[in-house]
Amino acid sequence: MLPMKKYHIQNAPFVVPTTDGKLIEEHHGRVATNNNEISIAHMVAPPHWSEPFQTPAFDEYTYIISGRKQFIIEGDTVVLEKGQSIRIEKNVRVQYSNPFDEPCEYLSVCLPAFSIENVNRE
């Protein structure tokens, strides 16, 4: 009997269907790897993209690979650019957007894993 591997290389992330032009590739999470503890996704937000306000029941970490991304966090407007990251605590009202003329590529990590049921979009 072969020993069970203690690692998993993700070669085929789950591409979340969207209608707003945003690319979401879940590498680890509820759908891609049946993991409820953490989700890790590669995303590209197109120019002039935005989501409704939400109050997620998870901590979310974002790392900007290229471009810029805007966050409205309980009334504060924050803009991150390449090489910057942010952690937004769970149960905080936030809106994510890319009001700029270039795409924004970034990584998102959610603890516990992202789910539509616990994002609490308005």
PDB file of N, CA and C in Angstrom:
ATOM      1  N   MET A   1       0.835  -1.181   0.000  1.00  0.00           N
ATOM      2  CA  MET A   1       0.000   0.000   0.000  1.00  0.00           C
ATOM      3  C   MET A   1       0.884   1.250   0.000  1.00  0.00           C
ATOM      4  N   LEU A   2       0.580   2.178  -0.889  1.00  0.00           N
ATOM      5  CA  LEU A   2       1.338   3.420  -0.984  1.00  0.00           C
ATOM      6  C   LEU A   2       0.929   4.385   0.128  1.00  0.00           C
ATOM      7  N   PRO A   3       1.892   5.103   0.696  1.00  0.00           N
ATOM      8  CA  PRO A   3       1.527   6.077   1.728  1.00  0.00           C
ATOM      9  C   PRO A   3       0.747   7.242   1.121  1.00  0.00           C
ATOM     10  N   MET A   4      -0.152   7.825   1.913  1.00  0.00           N
ATOM     11  CA  MET A   4      -0.958   8.951   1.466  1.00  0.00           C
ATOM     12  C   MET A   4      -0.102  10.214   1.450  1.00  0.00           C
ATOM     13  N   LYS A   5      -0.215  11.023   0.401  1.00  0.00           N
ATOM     14  CA  LYS A   5       0.557  12.249   0.286  1.00  0.00           C
ATOM     15  C   LYS A   5       0.059  13.294   1.280  1.00  0.00           C
ATOM     16  N   LYS A   6       0.984  14.059   1.802  1.00  0.00           N
ATOM     17  CA  LYS A   6       0.684  15.097   2.780  1.00  0.00           C
ATOM     18  C   LYS A   6       0.583  16.466   2.132  1.00  0.00           C
ATOM     19  N   TYR A   7       0.433  16.508   0.802  1.00  0.00           N
ATOM     20  CA  TYR A   7       0.320  17.780   0.099  1.00  0.00           C
ATOM     21  C   TYR A   7      -0.580  17.615  -1.114  1.00  0.00           C
ATOM     22  N   HIS A   8      -1.041  18.749  -1.625  1.00  0.00           N
ATOM     23  CA  HIS A   8      -1.902  18.749  -2.813  1.00  0.00           C
ATOM     24  C   HIS A   8      -1.479  19.905  -3.706  1.00  0.00           C
ATOM     25  N   ILE A   9      -1.043  19.611  -4.906  1.00  0.00           N
ATOM     26  CA  ILE A   9      -0.694  20.636  -5.883  1.00  0.00           C
ATOM     27  C   ILE A   9      -1.937  20.938  -6.703  1.00  0.00           C
ATOM     28  N   GLN A  10      -2.303  22.203  -6.749  1.00  0.00           N
ATOM     29  CA  GLN A  10      -3.511  22.606  -7.468  1.00  0.00           C
ATOM     30  C   GLN A  10      -3.143  23.045  -8.887  1.00  0.00           C
ATOM     31  N   ASN A  11      -3.530  22.243  -9.848  1.00  0.00           N
ATOM     32  CA  ASN A  11      -3.282  22.551 -11.255  1.00  0.00           C
ATOM     33  C   ASN A  11      -4.545  22.972 -12.001  1.00  0.00           C
ATOM     34  N   ALA A  12      -5.686  22.813 -11.364  1.00  0.00           N
ATOM     35  CA  ALA A  12      -6.955  23.099 -12.032  1.00  0.00           C
ATOM     36  C   ALA A  12      -7.893  23.825 -11.080  1.00  0.00           C
ATOM     37  N   PRO A  13      -7.635  25.129 -10.831  1.00  0.00           N
ATOM     38  CA  PRO A  13      -8.521  25.858  -9.924  1.00  0.00           C
ATOM     39  C   PRO A  13      -9.938  25.925 -10.488  1.00  0.00           C
ATOM     40  N   PHE A  14     -10.892  26.105  -9.586  1.00  0.00           N
ATOM     41  CA  PHE A  14     -12.288  26.265  -9.993  1.00  0.00           C
ATOM     42  C   PHE A  14     -12.483  27.703 -10.460  1.00  0.00           C
ATOM     43  N   VAL A  15     -12.932  27.879 -11.688  1.00  0.00           N
ATOM     44  CA  VAL A  15     -13.212  29.210 -12.215  1.00  0.00           C
ATOM     45  C   VAL A  15     -14.673  29.533 -11.914  1.00  0.00           C
ATOM     46  N   VAL A  16     -14.864  30.511 -11.059  1.00  0.00           N
ATOM     47  CA  VAL A  16     -16.210  30.891 -10.626  1.00  0.00           C
ATOM     48  C   VAL A  16     -16.904  31.626 -11.772  1.00  0.00           C
ATOM     49  N   PRO A  17     -18.095  31.178 -12.154  1.00  0.00           N
ATOM     50  CA  PRO A  17     -18.819  31.887 -13.216  1.00  0.00           C
ATOM     51  C   PRO A  17     -19.227  33.285 -12.732  1.00  0.00           C
ATOM     52  N   THR A  18     -18.968  34.298 -13.544  1.00  0.00           N
ATOM     53  CA  THR A  18     -19.356  35.667 -13.195  1.00  0.00           C
ATOM     54  C   THR A  18     -20.062  36.312 -14.385  1.00  0.00           C
ATOM     55  N   THR A  19     -20.774  37.391 -14.110  1.00  0.00           N
ATOM     56  CA  THR A  19     -21.458  38.130 -15.177  1.00  0.00           C
ATOM     57  C   THR A  19     -20.922  39.554 -15.294  1.00  0.00           C
ATOM     58  N   ASP A  20     -19.891  39.883 -14.503  1.00  0.00           N
ATOM     59  CA  ASP A  20     -19.387  41.255 -14.467  1.00  0.00           C
ATOM     60  C   ASP A  20     -17.980  41.403 -15.039  1.00  0.00           C
ATOM     61  N   GLY A  21     -17.466  40.348 -15.697  1.00  0.00           N
ATOM     62  CA  GLY A  21     -16.150  40.416 -16.308  1.00  0.00           C
ATOM     63  C   GLY A  21     -14.987  40.121 -15.379  1.00  0.00           C
ATOM     64  N   LYS A  22     -15.264  39.865 -14.111  1.00  0.00           N
ATOM     65  CA  LYS A  22     -14.213  39.570 -13.140  1.00  0.00           C
ATOM     66  C   LYS A  22     -13.800  38.100 -13.248  1.00  0.00           C
ATOM     67  N   LEU A  23     -12.481  37.865 -13.237  1.00  0.00           N
ATOM     68  CA  LEU A  23     -11.959  36.503 -13.223  1.00  0.00           C
ATOM     69  C   LEU A  23     -11.737  36.091 -11.772  1.00  0.00           C
ATOM     70  N   ILE A  24     -12.290  34.950 -11.385  1.00  0.00           N
ATOM     71  CA  ILE A  24     -12.087  34.399 -10.047  1.00  0.00           C
ATOM     72  C   ILE A  24     -11.680  32.945 -10.206  1.00  0.00           C
ATOM     73  N   GLU A  25     -10.442  32.635  -9.812  1.00  0.00           N
ATOM     74  CA  GLU A  25      -9.937  31.265  -9.841  1.00  0.00           C
ATOM     75  C   GLU A  25      -9.695  30.822  -8.394  1.00  0.00           C
ATOM     76  N   GLU A  26     -10.587  29.984  -7.888  1.00  0.00           N
ATOM     77  CA  GLU A  26     -10.416  29.472  -6.522  1.00  0.00           C
ATOM     78  C   GLU A  26      -9.444  28.299  -6.558  1.00  0.00           C
ATOM     79  N   HIS A  27      -8.278  28.479  -5.952  1.00  0.00           N
ATOM     80  CA  HIS A  27      -7.270  27.424  -5.902  1.00  0.00           C
ATOM     81  C   HIS A  27      -7.520  26.471  -4.743  1.00  0.00           C
ATOM     82  N   HIS A  28      -7.917  27.022  -3.624  1.00  0.00           N
ATOM     83  CA  HIS A  28      -8.265  26.218  -2.449  1.00  0.00           C
ATOM     84  C   HIS A  28      -9.476  26.863  -1.819  1.00  0.00           C
ATOM     85  N   GLY A  29     -10.412  26.045  -1.379  1.00  0.00           N
ATOM     86  CA  GLY A  29     -11.624  26.568  -0.763  1.00  0.00           C
ATOM     87  C   GLY A  29     -12.752  25.561  -0.822  1.00  0.00           C
ATOM     88  N   ARG A  30     -13.936  26.031  -0.536  1.00  0.00           N
ATOM     89  CA  ARG A  30     -15.118  25.165  -0.440  1.00  0.00           C
ATOM     90  C   ARG A  30     -15.390  24.387  -1.725  1.00  0.00           C
ATOM     91  N   VAL A  31     -15.273  25.053  -2.872  1.00  0.00           N
ATOM     92  CA  VAL A  31     -15.599  24.394  -4.139  1.00  0.00           C
ATOM     93  C   VAL A  31     -14.390  23.654  -4.705  1.00  0.00           C
ATOM     94  N   ALA A  32     -13.236  24.333  -4.768  1.00  0.00           N
ATOM     95  CA  ALA A  32     -12.061  23.759  -5.433  1.00  0.00           C
ATOM     96  C   ALA A  32     -11.506  22.535  -4.721  1.00  0.00           C
ATOM     97  N   THR A  33     -11.434  22.586  -3.395  1.00  0.00           N
ATOM     98  CA  THR A  33     -10.782  21.497  -2.650  1.00  0.00           C
ATOM     99  C   THR A  33     -11.582  21.028  -1.433  1.00  0.00           C
ATOM    100  N   ASN A  34     -12.862  21.419  -1.377  1.00  0.00           N
ATOM    101  CA  ASN A  34     -13.731  21.006  -0.280  1.00  0.00           C
ATOM    102  C   ASN A  34     -13.148  21.399   1.082  1.00  0.00           C
ATOM    103  N   ASN A  35     -12.564  22.594   1.145  1.00  0.00           N
ATOM    104  CA  ASN A  35     -11.925  23.084   2.368  1.00  0.00           C
ATOM    105  C   ASN A  35     -12.742  24.256   2.911  1.00  0.00           C
ATOM    106  N   ASN A  36     -13.348  24.088   4.067  1.00  0.00           N
ATOM    107  CA  ASN A  36     -14.160  25.139   4.683  1.00  0.00           C
ATOM    108  C   ASN A  36     -13.347  26.083   5.554  1.00  0.00           C
ATOM    109  N   GLU A  37     -12.081  25.753   5.801  1.00  0.00           N
ATOM    110  CA  GLU A  37     -11.264  26.534   6.728  1.00  0.00           C
ATOM    111  C   GLU A  37     -10.627  27.757   6.086  1.00  0.00           C
ATOM    112  N   ILE A  38     -10.262  27.669   4.794  1.00  0.00           N
ATOM    113  CA  ILE A  38      -9.558  28.751   4.112  1.00  0.00           C
ATOM    114  C   ILE A  38      -9.908  28.708   2.641  1.00  0.00           C
ATOM    115  N   SER A  39      -9.940  29.886   2.036  1.00  0.00           N
ATOM    116  CA  SER A  39     -10.016  29.928   0.575  1.00  0.00           C
ATOM    117  C   SER A  39      -8.911  30.840   0.077  1.00  0.00           C
ATOM    118  N   ILE A  40      -8.322  30.440  -1.040  1.00  0.00           N
ATOM    119  CA  ILE A  40      -7.268  31.203  -1.689  1.00  0.00           C
ATOM    120  C   ILE A  40      -7.669  31.323  -3.157  1.00  0.00           C
ATOM    121  N   ALA A  41      -7.782  32.576  -3.618  1.00  0.00           N
ATOM    122  CA  ALA A  41      -8.232  32.799  -4.988  1.00  0.00           C
ATOM    123  C   ALA A  41      -7.356  33.829  -5.684  1.00  0.00           C
ATOM    124  N   HIS A  42      -7.135  33.584  -6.969  1.00  0.00           N
ATOM    125  CA  HIS A  42      -6.472  34.538  -7.861  1.00  0.00           C
ATOM    126  C   HIS A  42      -7.588  35.261  -8.605  1.00  0.00           C
ATOM    127  N   MET A  43      -7.525  36.597  -8.629  1.00  0.00           N
ATOM    128  CA  MET A  43      -8.599  37.367  -9.245  1.00  0.00           C
ATOM    129  C   MET A  43      -8.055  38.467 -10.136  1.00  0.00           C
ATOM    130  N   VAL A  44      -8.850  38.811 -11.132  1.00  0.00           N
ATOM    131  CA  VAL A  44      -8.572  39.981 -11.958  1.00  0.00           C
ATOM    132  C   VAL A  44      -9.884  40.757 -12.078  1.00  0.00           C
ATOM    133  N   ALA A  45      -9.871  41.971 -11.524  1.00  0.00           N
ATOM    134  CA  ALA A  45     -11.035  42.853 -11.612  1.00  0.00           C
ATOM    135  C   ALA A  45     -10.843  43.774 -12.808  1.00  0.00           C
ATOM    136  N   PRO A  46     -11.803  43.792 -13.745  1.00  0.00           N
ATOM    137  CA  PRO A  46     -11.655  44.643 -14.917  1.00  0.00           C
ATOM    138  C   PRO A  46     -11.790  46.122 -14.546  1.00  0.00           C
ATOM    139  N   PRO A  47     -11.361  47.010 -15.431  1.00  0.00           N
ATOM    140  CA  PRO A  47     -11.537  48.438 -15.178  1.00  0.00           C
ATOM    141  C   PRO A  47     -13.015  48.773 -14.930  1.00  0.00           C
ATOM    142  N   HIS A  48     -13.255  49.684 -13.996  1.00  0.00           N
ATOM    143  CA  HIS A  48     -14.590  50.214 -13.683  1.00  0.00           C
ATOM    144  C   HIS A  48     -15.544  49.147 -13.144  1.00  0.00           C
ATOM    145  N   TRP A  49     -14.998  48.144 -12.484  1.00  0.00           N
ATOM    146  CA  TRP A  49     -15.777  47.068 -11.855  1.00  0.00           C
ATOM    147  C   TRP A  49     -16.075  47.440 -10.406  1.00  0.00           C
ATOM    148  N   SER A  50     -17.203  46.974  -9.879  1.00  0.00           N
ATOM    149  CA  SER A  50     -17.487  47.129  -8.445  1.00  0.00           C
ATOM    150  C   SER A  50     -18.467  46.061  -7.995  1.00  0.00           C
ATOM    151  N   GLU A  51     -18.460  45.818  -6.692  1.00  0.00           N
ATOM    152  CA  GLU A  51     -19.406  44.909  -6.051  1.00  0.00           C
ATOM    153  C   GLU A  51     -20.270  45.714  -5.097  1.00  0.00           C
ATOM    154  N   PRO A  52     -21.432  45.173  -4.712  1.00  0.00           N
ATOM    155  CA  PRO A  52     -22.230  45.857  -3.692  1.00  0.00           C
ATOM    156  C   PRO A  52     -21.518  45.816  -2.332  1.00  0.00           C
ATOM    157  N   PHE A  53     -21.940  46.671  -1.427  1.00  0.00           N
ATOM    158  CA  PHE A  53     -21.422  46.600  -0.065  1.00  0.00           C
ATOM    159  C   PHE A  53     -21.760  45.238   0.522  1.00  0.00           C
ATOM    160  N   GLN A  54     -20.907  44.792   1.437  1.00  0.00           N
ATOM    161  CA  GLN A  54     -21.094  43.503   2.103  1.00  0.00           C
ATOM    162  C   GLN A  54     -20.504  43.566   3.505  1.00  0.00           C
ATOM    163  N   THR A  55     -20.932  42.634   4.346  1.00  0.00           N
ATOM    164  CA  THR A  55     -20.398  42.511   5.703  1.00  0.00           C
ATOM    165  C   THR A  55     -20.054  41.037   5.920  1.00  0.00           C
ATOM    166  N   PRO A  56     -18.899  40.598   5.406  1.00  0.00           N
ATOM    167  CA  PRO A  56     -18.547  39.179   5.434  1.00  0.00           C
ATOM    168  C   PRO A  56     -18.343  38.629   6.850  1.00  0.00           C
ATOM    169  N   ALA A  57     -18.674  37.362   7.021  1.00  0.00           N
ATOM    170  CA  ALA A  57     -18.447  36.654   8.282  1.00  0.00           C
ATOM    171  C   ALA A  57     -17.121  35.908   8.219  1.00  0.00           C
ATOM    172  N   PHE A  58     -16.115  36.520   7.596  1.00  0.00           N
ATOM    173  CA  PHE A  58     -14.769  35.948   7.507  1.00  0.00           C
ATOM    174  C   PHE A  58     -13.768  37.087   7.415  1.00  0.00           C
ATOM    175  N   ASP A  59     -12.543  36.834   7.867  1.00  0.00           N
ATOM    176  CA  ASP A  59     -11.442  37.769   7.638  1.00  0.00           C
ATOM    177  C   ASP A  59     -11.011  37.615   6.190  1.00  0.00           C
ATOM    178  N   GLU A  60     -10.700  38.744   5.530  1.00  0.00           N
ATOM    179  CA  GLU A  60     -10.227  38.663   4.155  1.00  0.00           C
ATOM    180  C   GLU A  60      -8.912  39.417   4.022  1.00  0.00           C
ATOM    181  N   TYR A  61      -7.944  38.729   3.436  1.00  0.00           N
ATOM    182  CA  TYR A  61      -6.626  39.286   3.145  1.00  0.00           C
ATOM    183  C   TYR A  61      -6.524  39.468   1.639  1.00  0.00           C
ATOM    184  N   THR A  62      -6.035  40.621   1.197  1.00  0.00           N
ATOM    185  CA  THR A  62      -5.877  40.891  -0.237  1.00  0.00           C
ATOM    186  C   THR A  62      -4.455  41.362  -0.493  1.00  0.00           C
ATOM    187  N   TYR A  63      -3.818  40.784  -1.512  1.00  0.00           N
ATOM    188  CA  TYR A  63      -2.479  41.189  -1.950  1.00  0.00           C
ATOM    189  C   TYR A  63      -2.569  41.609  -3.409  1.00  0.00           C
ATOM    190  N   ILE A  64      -2.149  42.838  -3.714  1.00  0.00           N
ATOM    191  CA  ILE A  64      -2.245  43.381  -5.066  1.00  0.00           C
ATOM    192  C   ILE A  64      -1.009  42.979  -5.878  1.00  0.00           C
ATOM    193  N   ILE A  65      -1.237  42.288  -6.993  1.00  0.00           N
ATOM    194  CA  ILE A  65      -0.159  41.875  -7.904  1.00  0.00           C
ATOM    195  C   ILE A  65       0.131  42.980  -8.921  1.00  0.00           C
ATOM    196  N   SER A  66      -0.936  43.553  -9.484  1.00  0.00           N
ATOM    197  CA  SER A  66      -0.770  44.662 -10.429  1.00  0.00           C
ATOM    198  C   SER A  66      -2.045  45.494 -10.443  1.00  0.00           C
ATOM    199  N   GLY A  67      -1.902  46.752 -10.856  1.00  0.00           N
ATOM    200  CA  GLY A  67      -3.046  47.652 -10.887  1.00  0.00           C
ATOM    201  C   GLY A  67      -3.341  48.214  -9.505  1.00  0.00           C
ATOM    202  N   ARG A  68      -4.569  48.711  -9.358  1.00  0.00           N
ATOM    203  CA  ARG A  68      -5.018  49.289  -8.089  1.00  0.00           C
ATOM    204  C   ARG A  68      -6.416  48.789  -7.780  1.00  0.00           C
ATOM    205  N   LYS A  69      -6.733  48.736  -6.487  1.00  0.00           N
ATOM    206  CA  LYS A  69      -8.054  48.306  -6.036  1.00  0.00           C
ATOM    207  C   LYS A  69      -8.504  49.251  -4.939  1.00  0.00           C
ATOM    208  N   GLN A  70      -9.783  49.624  -4.994  1.00  0.00           N
ATOM    209  CA  GLN A  70     -10.343  50.524  -3.992  1.00  0.00           C
ATOM    210  C   GLN A  70     -11.214  49.750  -3.008  1.00  0.00           C
ATOM    211  N   PHE A  71     -11.106  50.122  -1.741  1.00  0.00           N
ATOM    212  CA  PHE A  71     -11.887  49.539  -0.656  1.00  0.00           C
ATOM    213  C   PHE A  71     -12.589  50.691   0.068  1.00  0.00           C
ATOM    214  N   ILE A  72     -13.877  50.576   0.283  1.00  0.00           N
ATOM    215  CA  ILE A  72     -14.564  51.504   1.181  1.00  0.00           C
ATOM    216  C   ILE A  72     -14.899  50.677   2.413  1.00  0.00           C
ATOM    217  N   ILE A  73     -14.214  50.990   3.522  1.00  0.00           N
ATOM    218  CA  ILE A  73     -14.283  50.195   4.741  1.00  0.00           C
ATOM    219  C   ILE A  73     -14.894  51.047   5.837  1.00  0.00           C
ATOM    220  N   GLU A  74     -16.174  50.776   6.138  1.00  0.00           N
ATOM    221  CA  GLU A  74     -16.903  51.532   7.150  1.00  0.00           C
ATOM    222  C   GLU A  74     -16.699  53.038   6.980  1.00  0.00           C
ATOM    223  N   GLY A  75     -16.824  53.506   5.718  1.00  0.00           N
ATOM    224  CA  GLY A  75     -16.749  54.929   5.431  1.00  0.00           C
ATOM    225  C   GLY A  75     -15.376  55.443   5.030  1.00  0.00           C
ATOM    226  N   ASP A  76     -14.309  54.690   5.300  1.00  0.00           N
ATOM    227  CA  ASP A  76     -12.960  55.090   4.893  1.00  0.00           C
ATOM    228  C   ASP A  76     -12.673  54.547   3.497  1.00  0.00           C
ATOM    229  N   THR A  77     -12.143  55.400   2.617  1.00  0.00           N
ATOM    230  CA  THR A  77     -11.745  54.960   1.281  1.00  0.00           C
ATOM    231  C   THR A  77     -10.248  54.696   1.284  1.00  0.00           C
ATOM    232  N   VAL A  78      -9.874  53.466   0.904  1.00  0.00           N
ATOM    233  CA  VAL A  78      -8.484  53.028   0.876  1.00  0.00           C
ATOM    234  C   VAL A  78      -8.191  52.526  -0.530  1.00  0.00           C
ATOM    235  N   VAL A  79      -7.061  52.949  -1.120  1.00  0.00           N
ATOM    236  CA  VAL A  79      -6.640  52.464  -2.430  1.00  0.00           C
ATOM    237  C   VAL A  79      -5.298  51.772  -2.256  1.00  0.00           C
ATOM    238  N   LEU A  80      -5.241  50.512  -2.689  1.00  0.00           N
ATOM    239  CA  LEU A  80      -3.987  49.761  -2.655  1.00  0.00           C
ATOM    240  C   LEU A  80      -3.453  49.605  -4.063  1.00  0.00           C
ATOM    241  N   GLU A  81      -2.135  49.505  -4.178  1.00  0.00           N
ATOM    242  CA  GLU A  81      -1.504  49.275  -5.471  1.00  0.00           C
ATOM    243  C   GLU A  81      -0.506  48.142  -5.355  1.00  0.00           C
ATOM    244  N   LYS A  82       0.121  47.825  -6.480  1.00  0.00           N
ATOM    245  CA  LYS A  82       1.052  46.705  -6.592  1.00  0.00           C
ATOM    246  C   LYS A  82       1.978  46.615  -5.373  1.00  0.00           C
ATOM    247  N   GLY A  83       2.051  45.396  -4.802  1.00  0.00           N
ATOM    248  CA  GLY A  83       2.954  45.130  -3.689  1.00  0.00           C
ATOM    249  C   GLY A  83       2.369  45.415  -2.326  1.00  0.00           C
ATOM    250  N   GLN A  84       1.171  45.985  -2.265  1.00  0.00           N
ATOM    251  CA  GLN A  84       0.545  46.264  -0.976  1.00  0.00           C
ATOM    252  C   GLN A  84      -0.492  45.198  -0.647  1.00  0.00           C
ATOM    253  N   SER A  85      -0.778  45.063   0.646  1.00  0.00           N
ATOM    254  CA  SER A  85      -1.783  44.106   1.087  1.00  0.00           C
ATOM    255  C   SER A  85      -2.594  44.704   2.221  1.00  0.00           C
ATOM    256  N   ILE A  86      -3.717  44.064   2.500  1.00  0.00           N
ATOM    257  CA  ILE A  86      -4.608  44.529   3.548  1.00  0.00           C
ATOM    258  C   ILE A  86      -5.315  43.339   4.173  1.00  0.00           C
ATOM    259  N   ARG A  87      -5.648  43.464   5.437  1.00  0.00           N
ATOM    260  CA  ARG A  87      -6.514  42.497   6.124  1.00  0.00           C
ATOM    261  C   ARG A  87      -7.733  43.251   6.600  1.00  0.00           C
ATOM    262  N   ILE A  88      -8.912  42.746   6.233  1.00  0.00           N
ATOM    263  CA  ILE A  88     -10.164  43.333   6.688  1.00  0.00           C
ATOM    264  C   ILE A  88     -10.841  42.300   7.583  1.00  0.00           C
ATOM    265  N   GLU A  89     -11.115  42.715   8.812  1.00  0.00           N
ATOM    266  CA  GLU A  89     -11.694  41.798   9.796  1.00  0.00           C
ATOM    267  C   GLU A  89     -13.124  41.418   9.425  1.00  0.00           C
ATOM    268  N   LYS A  90     -13.536  40.245   9.890  1.00  0.00           N
ATOM    269  CA  LYS A  90     -14.902  39.792   9.661  1.00  0.00           C
ATOM    270  C   LYS A  90     -15.889  40.750  10.328  1.00  0.00           C
ATOM    271  N   ASN A  91     -17.099  40.754   9.814  1.00  0.00           N
ATOM    272  CA  ASN A  91     -18.197  41.565  10.323  1.00  0.00           C
ATOM    273  C   ASN A  91     -17.955  43.064  10.175  1.00  0.00           C
ATOM    274  N   VAL A  92     -17.129  43.454   9.190  1.00  0.00           N
ATOM    275  CA  VAL A  92     -16.878  44.847   8.863  1.00  0.00           C
ATOM    276  C   VAL A  92     -17.511  45.133   7.506  1.00  0.00           C
ATOM    277  N   ARG A  93     -18.268  46.229   7.411  1.00  0.00           N
ATOM    278  CA  ARG A  93     -18.928  46.592   6.149  1.00  0.00           C
ATOM    279  C   ARG A  93     -17.888  47.140   5.174  1.00  0.00           C
ATOM    280  N   VAL A  94     -17.873  46.566   3.958  1.00  0.00           N
ATOM    281  CA  VAL A  94     -16.854  46.916   2.966  1.00  0.00           C
ATOM    282  C   VAL A  94     -17.445  46.856   1.562  1.00  0.00           C
ATOM    283  N   GLN A  95     -16.895  47.704   0.683  1.00  0.00           N
ATOM    284  CA  GLN A  95     -17.201  47.596  -0.742  1.00  0.00           C
ATOM    285  C   GLN A  95     -15.879  47.517  -1.488  1.00  0.00           C
ATOM    286  N   TYR A  96     -15.790  46.569  -2.410  1.00  0.00           N
ATOM    287  CA  TYR A  96     -14.606  46.381  -3.249  1.00  0.00           C
ATOM    288  C   TYR A  96     -14.899  46.931  -4.636  1.00  0.00           C
ATOM    289  N   SER A  97     -13.909  47.642  -5.225  1.00  0.00           N
ATOM    290  CA  SER A  97     -14.106  48.136  -6.586  1.00  0.00           C
ATOM    291  C   SER A  97     -12.772  48.414  -7.267  1.00  0.00           C
ATOM    292  N   ASN A  98     -12.858  48.553  -8.574  1.00  0.00           N
ATOM    293  CA  ASN A  98     -11.733  48.991  -9.390  1.00  0.00           C
ATOM    294  C   ASN A  98     -12.253  50.121 -10.273  1.00  0.00           C
ATOM    295  N   PRO A  99     -12.258  51.362  -9.743  1.00  0.00           N
ATOM    296  CA  PRO A  99     -12.779  52.481 -10.527  1.00  0.00           C
ATOM    297  C   PRO A  99     -11.765  53.031 -11.530  1.00  0.00           C
ATOM    298  N   PHE A 100     -10.657  52.359 -11.684  1.00  0.00           N
ATOM    299  CA  PHE A 100      -9.542  52.855 -12.494  1.00  0.00           C
ATOM    300  C   PHE A 100      -9.622  52.321 -13.922  1.00  0.00           C
ATOM    301  N   ASP A 101      -8.715  52.814 -14.780  1.00  0.00           N
ATOM    302  CA  ASP A 101      -8.752  52.483 -16.210  1.00  0.00           C
ATOM    303  C   ASP A 101      -7.971  51.230 -16.580  1.00  0.00           C
ATOM    304  N   GLU A 102      -7.291  50.610 -15.615  1.00  0.00           N
ATOM    305  CA  GLU A 102      -6.541  49.384 -15.901  1.00  0.00           C
ATOM    306  C   GLU A 102      -7.059  48.249 -15.011  1.00  0.00           C
ATOM    307  N   PRO A 103      -6.892  46.987 -15.445  1.00  0.00           N
ATOM    308  CA  PRO A 103      -7.307  45.858 -14.612  1.00  0.00           C
ATOM    309  C   PRO A 103      -6.491  45.805 -13.319  1.00  0.00           C
ATOM    310  N   CYS A 104      -7.052  45.149 -12.320  1.00  0.00           N
ATOM    311  CA  CYS A 104      -6.348  44.917 -11.064  1.00  0.00           C
ATOM    312  C   CYS A 104      -6.264  43.409 -10.828  1.00  0.00           C
ATOM    313  N   GLU A 105      -5.044  42.903 -10.721  1.00  0.00           N
ATOM    314  CA  GLU A 105      -4.812  41.483 -10.455  1.00  0.00           C
ATOM    315  C   GLU A 105      -4.414  41.349  -8.997  1.00  0.00           C
ATOM    316  N   TYR A 106      -5.032  40.394  -8.294  1.00  0.00           N
ATOM    317  CA  TYR A 106      -4.741  40.254  -6.871  1.00  0.00           C
ATOM    318  C   TYR A 106      -5.031  38.840  -6.375  1.00  0.00           C
ATOM    319  N   LEU A 107      -4.529  38.560  -5.181  1.00  0.00           N
ATOM    320  CA  LEU A 107      -4.820  37.313  -4.467  1.00  0.00           C
ATOM    321  C   LEU A 107      -5.708  37.638  -3.292  1.00  0.00           C
ATOM    322  N   SER A 108      -6.648  36.761  -3.019  1.00  0.00           N
ATOM    323  CA  SER A 108      -7.546  36.916  -1.884  1.00  0.00           C
ATOM    324  C   SER A 108      -7.508  35.645  -1.045  1.00  0.00           C
ATOM    325  N   VAL A 109      -7.377  35.836   0.264  1.00  0.00           N
ATOM    326  CA  VAL A 109      -7.394  34.726   1.210  1.00  0.00           C
ATOM    327  C   VAL A 109      -8.491  35.013   2.224  1.00  0.00           C
ATOM    328  N   CYS A 110      -9.413  34.061   2.412  1.00  0.00           N
ATOM    329  CA  CYS A 110     -10.506  34.227   3.363  1.00  0.00           C
ATOM    330  C   CYS A 110     -10.420  33.143   4.441  1.00  0.00           C
ATOM    331  N   LEU A 111     -10.597  33.585   5.698  1.00  0.00           N
ATOM    332  CA  LEU A 111     -10.597  32.690   6.862  1.00  0.00           C
ATOM    333  C   LEU A 111     -11.836  32.954   7.701  1.00  0.00           C
ATOM    334  N   PRO A 112     -12.765  32.025   7.862  1.00  0.00           N
ATOM    335  CA  PRO A 112     -12.859  30.746   7.159  1.00  0.00           C
ATOM    336  C   PRO A 112     -13.132  30.986   5.672  1.00  0.00           C
ATOM    337  N   ALA A 113     -13.249  29.912   4.935  1.00  0.00           N
ATOM    338  CA  ALA A 113     -13.376  30.000   3.481  1.00  0.00           C
ATOM    339  C   ALA A 113     -14.587  30.821   3.047  1.00  0.00           C
ATOM    340  N   PHE A 114     -14.423  31.510   1.921  1.00  0.00           N
ATOM    341  CA  PHE A 114     -15.512  32.268   1.315  1.00  0.00           C
ATOM    342  C   PHE A 114     -16.684  31.345   0.998  1.00  0.00           C
ATOM    343  N   SER A 115     -17.869  31.846   1.244  1.00  0.00           N
ATOM    344  CA  SER A 115     -19.083  31.217   0.717  1.00  0.00           C
ATOM    345  C   SER A 115     -20.100  32.323   0.489  1.00  0.00           C
ATOM    346  N   ILE A 116     -20.966  32.131  -0.473  1.00  0.00           N
ATOM    347  CA  ILE A 116     -21.978  33.138  -0.787  1.00  0.00           C
ATOM    348  C   ILE A 116     -22.896  33.349   0.407  1.00  0.00           C
ATOM    349  N   GLU A 117     -23.064  32.308   1.233  1.00  0.00           N
ATOM    350  CA  GLU A 117     -23.954  32.416   2.398  1.00  0.00           C
ATOM    351  C   GLU A 117     -23.365  33.314   3.483  1.00  0.00           C
ATOM    352  N   ASN A 118     -22.026  33.409   3.577  1.00  0.00           N
ATOM    353  CA  ASN A 118     -21.463  34.214   4.666  1.00  0.00           C
ATOM    354  C   ASN A 118     -20.813  35.519   4.200  1.00  0.00           C
ATOM    355  N   VAL A 119     -21.049  35.909   2.936  1.00  0.00           N
ATOM    356  CA  VAL A 119     -20.517  37.187   2.456  1.00  0.00           C
ATOM    357  C   VAL A 119     -21.453  38.350   2.812  1.00  0.00           C
ATOM    358  N   ASN A 120     -22.741  38.062   2.937  1.00  0.00           N
ATOM    359  CA  ASN A 120     -23.743  39.052   3.375  1.00  0.00           C
ATOM    360  C   ASN A 120     -23.741  40.317   2.522  1.00  0.00           C
ATOM    361  N   ARG A 121     -23.942  40.140   1.211  1.00  0.00           N
ATOM    362  CA  ARG A 121     -24.017  41.285   0.293  1.00  0.00           C
ATOM    363  C   ARG A 121     -25.337  42.023   0.456  1.00  0.00           C
ATOM    364  N   GLU A 122     -25.253  43.323   0.275  1.00  0.00           N
ATOM    365  CA  GLU A 122     -26.471  44.162   0.363  1.00  0.00           C
ATOM    366  C   GLU A 122     -27.194  44.198  -0.971  1.00  0.00           C
TER     367      GLU A 122
END
